[in-house]
Amino acid sequence: MYRIDRQTFVVYKAITYSPKATEILLYSIAKWNQPLPEALFRFEPPASARATSFASALPPQKPLVGAVAPDFTLPDTGGHNVHLRELQGKVIIVDFWATWCPPCRALMPHLQKMYRDGEKRGLVVLGLDVGEDVNTVEKFAREQSYTFPLLIGAEPDIAAEYFVEAYPSTFVIDRLGHVIYRDLGGADPAKLQAAVEKALGGH
């Protein structure tokens, strides 16, 4: 919940509710729209400095689609490790999700149906939870009757390997271990299904 000034639209209070605690942040602005001296924004580089492109200073990011899927080993809700490399030869959906994420929850029934319909054809569905404990994930899966593996501890390392910036983020990996499809921030079930069918069709 946010409290916002009617005239200036400045947020002066933010309240975050959770089952265990309520966090309140108060913001105060002593001065508003005050002139600032230009000297605050002046920067004189040292004589030894050399100009360079910011983009060239960033580490290169190879496109994930078409590349070998980053490997990982994560435990499921029963404590059994799942190793991605050991699943090579199957078509794999990797879905980064969380119980608090409405678009993630909306996608889950589609993933369950794909898993149920495609398991005998060599389809594996892995739900990689981000930032939640095993009890939360296990309770959610039990209440919703999801039977595909839900893995714990994907954030931050594995999520970074897959360049995840929004949830859900969904990837399809073919039988050779290459990423053939990705959707960041809300997978389209029809497009996801089409990518899976294409990958399964070759076997």
Protein backbone atom coordinates (compact mmCIF):
# COMPACT_ATOMS: atom_id res chain seq x y z
CA MET A 1 0.00 0.00 0.00
CA TYR A 2 1.27 3.46 -0.89
CA ARG A 3 0.25 6.85 0.51
CA ILE A 4 0.66 9.54 -2.14
CA ASP A 5 0.35 13.32 -1.83
CA ARG A 6 -2.66 14.53 -3.81
CA GLN A 7 -0.99 17.69 -5.04
CA THR A 8 2.57 16.59 -5.83
CA PHE A 9 2.02 12.82 -6.28
CA VAL A 10 5.03 12.22 -4.05
CA VAL A 11 5.04 8.89 -2.22
CA TYR A 12 5.46 9.57 1.47
CA LYS A 13 4.52 6.20 2.98
CA ALA A 14 4.85 2.60 1.81
CA ILE A 15 3.40 -0.38 3.68
CA THR A 16 4.33 -3.97 2.84
CA TYR A 17 2.19 -6.75 4.28
CA SER A 18 3.33 -10.36 4.73
CA PRO A 19 2.07 -13.28 6.85
CA LYS A 20 4.77 -12.72 9.45
CA ALA A 21 5.36 -8.98 9.48
CA THR A 22 4.28 -5.60 8.18
CA GLU A 23 7.01 -3.24 7.03
CA ILE A 24 6.40 0.50 6.97
CA LEU A 25 8.66 2.98 5.21
CA LEU A 26 8.22 6.72 5.69
CA TYR A 27 9.68 9.16 3.17
CA SER A 28 10.22 12.81 3.96
CA ILE A 29 11.33 15.56 1.60
CA ALA A 30 12.84 18.58 3.33
CA LYS A 31 13.02 20.65 0.12
CA TRP A 32 11.33 20.26 -3.23
CA ASN A 33 12.26 21.75 -6.62
CA GLN A 34 15.23 23.64 -5.21
CA PRO A 35 17.91 25.02 -7.57
CA LEU A 36 21.16 23.05 -7.52
CA PRO A 37 24.61 24.40 -8.34
CA GLU A 38 26.05 23.15 -11.62
CA ALA A 39 29.24 22.18 -9.80
CA LEU A 40 27.41 19.16 -8.38
CA PHE A 41 27.20 17.70 -11.87
CA ARG A 42 30.66 18.65 -13.13
CA PHE A 43 33.23 15.90 -13.48
CA GLU A 44 36.85 16.40 -14.44
CA PRO A 45 38.50 13.11 -15.42
CA PRO A 46 42.16 12.62 -14.53
CA ALA A 47 44.74 13.24 -17.26
CA SER A 48 45.40 9.50 -17.57
CA ALA A 49 41.76 8.68 -18.36
CA ARG A 50 40.89 7.34 -21.82
CA ALA A 51 37.46 7.35 -23.44
CA THR A 52 35.85 3.98 -24.08
CA SER A 53 32.47 2.61 -25.08
CA PHE A 54 30.30 1.52 -22.17
CA ALA A 55 28.93 -1.36 -24.21
CA SER A 56 32.43 -2.65 -24.93
CA ALA A 57 33.16 -2.74 -21.20
CA LEU A 58 30.28 -5.14 -20.54
CA PRO A 59 30.92 -8.89 -20.60
CA PRO A 60 29.56 -10.39 -23.82
CA GLN A 61 26.24 -12.19 -23.47
CA LYS A 62 25.82 -14.97 -25.98
CA PRO A 63 22.24 -15.51 -27.13
CA LEU A 64 20.67 -18.39 -25.24
CA VAL A 65 18.45 -19.65 -28.05
CA GLY A 66 20.60 -21.99 -30.13
CA ALA A 67 23.21 -22.35 -27.40
CA VAL A 68 23.78 -25.29 -25.07
CA ALA A 69 21.56 -24.89 -22.02
CA PRO A 70 23.52 -23.94 -18.88
CA ASP A 71 23.87 -27.00 -16.68
CA PHE A 72 22.61 -27.13 -13.11
CA THR A 73 21.98 -29.48 -10.23
CA LEU A 74 19.15 -28.61 -7.84
CA PRO A 75 17.15 -30.55 -5.23
CA ASP A 76 13.47 -31.27 -5.68
CA THR A 77 10.95 -30.93 -2.84
CA GLY A 78 11.84 -34.44 -1.66
CA GLY A 79 15.54 -33.58 -1.37
CA HIS A 80 16.62 -35.57 -4.44
CA ASN A 81 19.06 -33.82 -6.75
CA VAL A 82 18.07 -33.31 -10.38
CA HIS A 83 21.01 -32.90 -12.77
CA LEU A 84 20.11 -31.31 -16.10
CA ARG A 85 22.89 -33.05 -18.04
CA GLU A 86 21.57 -36.45 -17.01
CA LEU A 87 18.31 -35.67 -18.82
CA GLN A 88 19.96 -35.22 -22.23
CA GLY A 89 18.06 -37.15 -24.87
CA LYS A 90 14.75 -35.83 -23.58
CA VAL A 91 12.89 -32.62 -24.37
CA ILE A 92 12.94 -30.39 -21.30
CA ILE A 93 10.83 -27.42 -20.24
CA VAL A 94 12.63 -25.28 -17.67
CA ASP A 95 10.29 -22.80 -16.00
CA PHE A 96 11.46 -20.19 -13.47
CA TRP A 97 8.52 -19.38 -11.21
CA ALA A 98 7.27 -18.56 -7.69
CA THR A 99 4.04 -19.13 -5.79
CA TRP A 100 3.57 -15.37 -5.26
CA CYS A 101 3.67 -14.67 -9.01
CA PRO A 102 0.16 -14.61 -10.62
CA PRO A 103 1.39 -15.15 -14.23
CA CYS A 104 3.48 -18.08 -12.96
CA ARG A 105 0.45 -19.64 -11.31
CA ALA A 106 -1.60 -19.12 -14.48
CA LEU A 107 0.96 -21.04 -16.54
CA MET A 108 1.27 -23.99 -14.15
CA PRO A 109 -1.89 -25.88 -15.27
CA HIS A 110 -0.64 -25.75 -18.86
CA LEU A 111 2.73 -27.15 -17.76
CA GLN A 112 0.98 -29.93 -15.84
CA LYS A 113 -1.08 -30.87 -18.91
CA MET A 114 2.00 -30.86 -21.16
CA TYR A 115 3.81 -33.03 -18.64
CA ARG A 116 0.94 -35.48 -18.40
CA ASP A 117 0.46 -35.68 -22.18
CA GLY A 118 4.14 -35.72 -23.14
CA GLU A 119 5.92 -37.71 -20.43
CA LYS A 120 5.75 -41.00 -22.34
CA ARG A 121 7.10 -39.26 -25.45
CA GLY A 122 10.19 -38.05 -23.62
CA LEU A 123 9.09 -34.71 -22.20
CA VAL A 124 10.42 -33.51 -18.84
CA VAL A 125 9.04 -30.42 -17.08
CA LEU A 126 11.15 -28.75 -14.38
CA GLY A 127 9.73 -25.92 -12.31
CA LEU A 128 12.64 -23.93 -10.82
CA ASP A 129 11.33 -21.99 -7.84
CA VAL A 130 13.01 -18.67 -7.03
CA GLY A 131 13.50 -17.50 -3.47
CA GLU A 132 11.08 -19.72 -1.55
CA ASP A 133 11.59 -22.53 0.93
CA VAL A 134 10.77 -26.17 0.32
CA ASN A 135 7.73 -26.19 2.62
CA THR A 136 6.05 -23.36 0.71
CA VAL A 137 6.66 -25.03 -2.66
CA GLU A 138 5.68 -28.50 -1.47
CA LYS A 139 2.43 -27.23 0.08
CA PHE A 140 1.53 -25.36 -3.11
CA ALA A 141 2.21 -28.40 -5.33
CA ARG A 142 0.16 -30.66 -3.07
CA GLU A 143 -2.81 -28.30 -2.95
CA GLN A 144 -2.80 -27.81 -6.73
CA SER A 145 -2.01 -31.46 -7.57
CA TYR A 146 1.09 -30.66 -9.63
CA THR A 147 3.18 -33.75 -10.21
CA PHE A 148 6.13 -32.55 -12.31
CA PRO A 149 9.39 -31.91 -10.44
CA LEU A 150 9.65 -28.59 -8.60
CA LEU A 151 13.23 -27.65 -7.79
CA ILE A 152 14.48 -25.40 -5.00
CA GLY A 153 17.21 -22.76 -4.98
CA ALA A 154 17.32 -21.49 -8.56
CA GLU A 155 17.97 -17.90 -7.49
CA PRO A 156 20.36 -16.16 -7.89
CA ASP A 157 22.98 -18.33 -9.62
CA ILE A 158 20.92 -20.44 -12.03
CA ALA A 159 18.55 -17.57 -12.84
CA ALA A 160 21.58 -15.45 -13.75
CA GLU A 161 22.95 -18.20 -16.00
CA TYR A 162 19.67 -18.13 -17.93
CA PHE A 163 19.51 -14.29 -17.97
CA VAL A 164 16.16 -14.34 -16.18
CA GLU A 165 14.76 -10.83 -15.69
CA ALA A 166 11.07 -11.57 -15.14
CA TYR A 167 8.82 -14.38 -13.93
CA PRO A 168 7.74 -16.71 -15.28
CA SER A 169 10.66 -17.29 -17.66
CA THR A 170 10.27 -20.46 -19.68
CA PHE A 171 12.76 -22.36 -21.84
CA VAL A 172 12.52 -25.42 -24.07
CA ILE A 173 15.64 -27.57 -24.42
CA ASP A 174 15.85 -30.11 -27.24
CA ARG A 175 17.18 -33.67 -27.07
CA LEU A 176 20.73 -32.49 -27.84
CA GLY A 177 20.72 -30.04 -24.94
CA HIS A 178 20.22 -26.82 -26.92
CA VAL A 179 17.79 -24.06 -26.00
CA ILE A 180 15.26 -23.78 -28.85
CA TYR A 181 12.68 -21.49 -27.23
CA ARG A 182 12.49 -18.92 -24.47
CA ASP A 183 9.84 -16.60 -23.15
CA LEU A 184 10.73 -14.03 -20.49
CA GLY A 185 7.90 -12.77 -18.33
CA GLY A 186 4.80 -14.71 -19.31
CA ALA A 187 4.89 -17.66 -21.65
CA ASP A 188 2.25 -18.00 -24.35
CA PRO A 189 0.95 -21.57 -23.83
CA ALA A 190 0.22 -22.01 -27.55
CA LYS A 191 3.74 -20.97 -28.60
CA LEU A 192 5.25 -23.06 -25.82
CA GLN A 193 3.21 -26.08 -26.92
CA ALA A 194 4.29 -25.57 -30.53
CA ALA A 195 7.98 -25.46 -29.54
CA VAL A 196 7.59 -28.62 -27.46
CA GLU A 197 5.77 -30.48 -30.25
CA LYS A 198 8.46 -29.50 -32.73
CA ALA A 199 11.17 -30.83 -30.42
CA LEU A 200 9.27 -34.04 -29.65
CA GLY A 201 8.42 -34.65 -33.29
CA GLY A 202 11.97 -35.51 -34.21
CA HIS A 203 11.96 -38.67 -32.13
